[in-house]
C-alpha atoms as a PDB file:
ATOM      1  CA  MET A   1     -42.815  16.382 -49.390  1.00  0.00           C
ATOM      2  CA  GLU A   2     -40.439  18.103 -46.972  1.00  0.00           C
ATOM      3  CA  PRO A   3     -42.652  18.131 -43.848  1.00  0.00           C
ATOM      4  CA  LYS A   4     -43.278  14.374 -44.147  1.00  0.00           C
ATOM      5  CA  ARG A   5     -39.642  13.671 -44.358  1.00  0.00           C
ATOM      6  CA  LYS A   6     -39.111  15.865 -41.242  1.00  0.00           C
ATOM      7  CA  ASN A   7     -41.739  14.040 -39.387  1.00  0.00           C
ATOM      8  CA  LEU A   8     -40.141  10.737 -40.306  1.00  0.00           C
ATOM      9  CA  ALA A   9     -36.648  11.893 -39.114  1.00  0.00           C
ATOM     10  CA  VAL A  10     -38.203  13.194 -35.898  1.00  0.00           C
ATOM     11  CA  SER A  11     -40.007   9.912 -35.225  1.00  0.00           C
ATOM     12  CA  THR A  12     -36.891   7.885 -36.113  1.00  0.00           C
ATOM     13  CA  VAL A  13     -34.754   9.924 -33.718  1.00  0.00           C
ATOM     14  CA  ALA A  14     -37.573   9.483 -30.956  1.00  0.00           C
ATOM     15  CA  VAL A  15     -37.477   5.706 -31.542  1.00  0.00           C
ATOM     16  CA  PHE A  16     -33.694   5.685 -31.241  1.00  0.00           C
ATOM     17  CA  ALA A  17     -33.701   7.767 -28.216  1.00  0.00           C
ATOM     18  CA  VAL A  18     -36.380   5.577 -26.411  1.00  0.00           C
ATOM     19  CA  ALA A  19     -34.424   2.444 -27.385  1.00  0.00           C
ATOM     20  CA  PHE A  20     -31.244   3.953 -26.089  1.00  0.00           C
ATOM     21  CA  SER A  21     -32.846   4.981 -22.901  1.00  0.00           C
ATOM     22  CA  LEU A  22     -34.188   1.455 -22.257  1.00  0.00           C
ATOM     23  CA  ALA A  23     -30.856  -0.188 -23.056  1.00  0.00           C
ATOM     24  CA  ALA A  24     -29.211   2.310 -20.665  1.00  0.00           C
ATOM     25  CA  TYR A  25     -31.599   1.618 -17.978  1.00  0.00           C
ATOM     26  CA  PHE A  26     -31.431  -2.167 -18.346  1.00  0.00           C
ATOM     27  CA  THR A  27     -27.634  -1.960 -18.337  1.00  0.00           C
ATOM     28  CA  PHE A  28     -27.579   0.128 -15.229  1.00  0.00           C
ATOM     29  CA  ALA A  29     -29.972  -2.250 -13.482  1.00  0.00           C
ATOM     30  CA  ALA A  30     -27.859  -5.299 -14.523  1.00  0.00           C
ATOM     31  CA  VAL A  31     -24.804  -3.613 -12.972  1.00  0.00           C
ATOM     32  CA  GLN A  32     -26.087  -1.472  -9.986  1.00  0.00           C
ATOM     33  CA  GLY A  33     -29.496  -2.817  -9.279  1.00  0.00           C
ATOM     34  CA  ASP A  34     -30.674  -5.096  -6.424  1.00  0.00           C
ATOM     35  CA  PHE A  35     -29.716  -8.212  -8.290  1.00  0.00           C
ATOM     36  CA  GLY A  36     -26.825  -6.686 -10.190  1.00  0.00           C
ATOM     37  CA  LEU A  37     -23.200  -7.780 -10.534  1.00  0.00           C
ATOM     38  CA  PHE A  38     -22.035  -5.305  -7.734  1.00  0.00           C
ATOM     39  CA  ARG A  39     -24.647  -6.763  -5.324  1.00  0.00           C
ATOM     40  CA  ARG A  40     -23.641 -10.320  -6.211  1.00  0.00           C
ATOM     41  CA  ILE A  41     -20.032  -9.543  -5.417  1.00  0.00           C
ATOM     42  CA  GLN A  42     -20.974  -7.853  -2.176  1.00  0.00           C
ATOM     43  CA  ILE A  43     -23.057 -10.862  -1.189  1.00  0.00           C
ATOM     44  CA  GLN A  44     -20.243 -13.342  -2.082  1.00  0.00           C
ATOM     45  CA  ALA A  45     -17.821 -11.311   0.139  1.00  0.00           C
ATOM     46  CA  GLN A  46     -20.297 -11.449   2.890  1.00  0.00           C
ATOM     47  CA  GLU A  47     -20.815 -15.220   2.441  1.00  0.00           C
ATOM     48  CA  ASN A  48     -16.981 -15.636   2.717  1.00  0.00           C
ATOM     49  CA  GLU A  49     -16.778 -13.584   5.862  1.00  0.00           C
ATOM     50  CA  LEU A  50     -19.689 -15.593   7.442  1.00  0.00           C
ATOM     51  CA  ALA A  51     -18.080 -18.816   6.383  1.00  0.00           C
ATOM     52  CA  GLN A  52     -14.931 -17.695   8.305  1.00  0.00           C
ATOM     53  CA  GLN A  53     -16.989 -16.679  11.257  1.00  0.00           C
ATOM     54  CA  LEU A  54     -18.719 -20.079  11.301  1.00  0.00           C
ATOM     55  CA  ALA A  55     -15.443 -22.004  11.128  1.00  0.00           C
ATOM     56  CA  GLN A  56     -14.277 -19.979  14.223  1.00  0.00           C
ATOM     57  CA  LEU A  57     -17.472 -20.644  16.100  1.00  0.00           C
ATOM     58  CA  LYS A  58     -17.150 -24.429  15.228  1.00  0.00           C
ATOM     59  CA  ASN A  59     -13.644 -24.379  16.519  1.00  0.00           C
ATOM     60  CA  ASP A  60     -14.742 -22.642  19.773  1.00  0.00           C
ATOM     61  CA  VAL A  61     -17.511 -25.141  20.170  1.00  0.00           C
ATOM     62  CA  ALA A  62     -15.026 -27.954  19.783  1.00  0.00           C
ATOM     63  CA  ILE A  63     -12.696 -26.520  22.459  1.00  0.00           C
ATOM     64  CA  MET A  64     -15.643 -26.046  24.851  1.00  0.00           C
ATOM     65  CA  GLU A  65     -16.893 -29.532  24.194  1.00  0.00           C
ATOM     66  CA  ASN A  66     -13.382 -30.806  24.960  1.00  0.00           C
ATOM     67  CA  LYS A  67     -13.196 -28.936  28.173  1.00  0.00           C
ATOM     68  CA  THR A  68     -16.740 -30.072  29.248  1.00  0.00           C
ATOM     69  CA  ARG A  69     -15.723 -33.676  28.618  1.00  0.00           C
ATOM     70  CA  ARG A  70     -12.592 -33.292  30.495  1.00  0.00           C
ATOM     71  CA  MET A  71     -14.528 -31.919  33.566  1.00  0.00           C
ATOM     72  CA  SER A  72     -17.214 -34.704  33.426  1.00  0.00           C
ATOM     73  CA  ASP A  73     -17.820 -37.377  36.006  1.00  0.00           C
ATOM     74  CA  HIS A  74     -16.620 -40.069  33.629  1.00  0.00           C
ATOM     75  CA  TYR A  75     -13.278 -38.372  32.873  1.00  0.00           C
ATOM     76  CA  LEU A  76     -11.570 -36.107  35.197  1.00  0.00           C
ATOM     77  CA  ASP A  77      -8.551 -34.083  34.046  1.00  0.00           C
ATOM     78  CA  LEU A  78      -6.698 -33.123  37.154  1.00  0.00           C
ATOM     79  CA  ASP A  79      -4.659 -30.462  35.394  1.00  0.00           C
ATOM     80  CA  LEU A  80      -7.687 -28.669  33.976  1.00  0.00           C
ATOM     81  CA  LEU A  81      -9.351 -29.009  37.430  1.00  0.00           C
ATOM     82  CA  ASP A  82      -6.323 -27.492  39.086  1.00  0.00           C
ATOM     83  CA  GLU A  83      -6.219 -24.653  36.514  1.00  0.00           C
ATOM     84  CA  GLN A  84      -9.944 -23.775  36.999  1.00  0.00           C
ATOM     85  CA  ALA A  85      -9.628 -23.890  40.813  1.00  0.00           C
ATOM     86  CA  ARG A  86      -6.781 -21.359  40.550  1.00  0.00           C
ATOM     87  CA  LYS A  87      -8.534 -19.246  38.110  1.00  0.00           C
ATOM     88  CA  VAL A  88     -11.864 -19.149  39.577  1.00  0.00           C
ATOM     89  CA  LEU A  89     -11.349 -19.530  43.345  1.00  0.00           C
ATOM     90  CA  GLY A  90      -7.845 -17.875  43.571  1.00  0.00           C
ATOM     91  CA  LEU A  91      -6.390 -20.922  45.163  1.00  0.00           C
ATOM     92  CA  ALA A  92      -2.654 -21.575  45.427  1.00  0.00           C
ATOM     93  CA  ARG A  93      -0.743 -24.356  46.938  1.00  0.00           C
ATOM     94  CA  GLY A  94       1.241 -23.873  50.249  1.00  0.00           C
ATOM     95  CA  ASP A  95       4.676 -24.243  48.630  1.00  0.00           C
ATOM     96  CA  GLU A  96       3.998 -21.600  45.941  1.00  0.00           C
ATOM     97  CA  ILE A  97       4.937 -17.937  46.008  1.00  0.00           C
ATOM     98  CA  VAL A  98       2.212 -15.596  44.616  1.00  0.00           C
ATOM     99  CA  ILE A  99       3.380 -12.544  42.836  1.00  0.00           C
ATOM    100  CA  ARG A 100       0.728  -9.810  42.150  1.00  0.00           C
END
């Protein structure tokens, strides 16, 4: 009766070893895998970073649209025109002193 009991003990240990290995694998996959917790946290951080970049780009677009509207034919901002002429063409008025 001793060999049968030994085979039963070995098979029981083998079943528990396989079950433990599967549990360890699935736990590791749930934490470290492609769809695991760490990946989710990484994706959320990337989402927050991209949302900030999107907000910055929307702000930049709004500024450009405002400048475009101010330089249009229907609405001409003389201060902006003067600023752009000085910046792009290097112009200055006759009564100004230019320091380089």
